[in-house]
């Protein structure tokens, strides 16, 4: 009879990471590859080797104050209209931008894009967009984009005017597969979510919900010049990137 596979939720046998760090007492039955568990193990091991326990409140306060007083590095000056700067820079790289008055206009704009490019009506959308009034015959589903997915519609967390890029964070409501699997990626972006510089994006993420596990900065359709020095779109992801700018 074959040996059963290791199940971290029910099995007491030591995992690879527990054999690697035998002095670490396992405090959770969660698999060590899950988000945060491996990170905590690494940081705890470093603290053990330094002979240092948890930081005292005074030390934590001193670190927090130092972070809050971090020097502002030189950044390029930008015009006041960040949406215009963003649009100019991302369209230089073969993306398209369409301005909409309200988020309620998104379903009609998506339907028009599908008709223009003769695309299937079965599309993947981010959870926050699923409640919009999607017209027939569009077939909308949430969750990860499947292998045969042709179109995905995502909600951007932010956009960076300096680099002309949209920022999408991973999560159950915004699967990363939307950014790579479909041929056409439509990204909904609110005008007020455009920040000037890349540093502003990290600050905004930390101040509004924290850092996601993965961040994708997208500055245009996927492309490569590896084949005979000729640019090919859609090499490792969508061949068309269409921004729906709200406001």
Foldseek 3Di string as FASTA:
>chain_A
DDDDDDQLQPDPDDDPVCVVVVVDDDPDSDPCPDPPNVVVVVVVVVCVVVVHDDDDPVVVVVVVVCVVPDDDDDDDDDDPQLVVLLQVQLVVQVAAEDEDAALLCVLVVVVVVCVVVVHDLEEEEFPVSPPHDHDPPRHYDYFAADQPHAEYEYEFQAAESVNSWTKHADDRRGHPNLFFRHQEYEYEYESVRYDHHPVVVQVVQCVPPHHHPDMDIGRFFDWDLPPVNDIDGNPGGHSYYYYYYYD
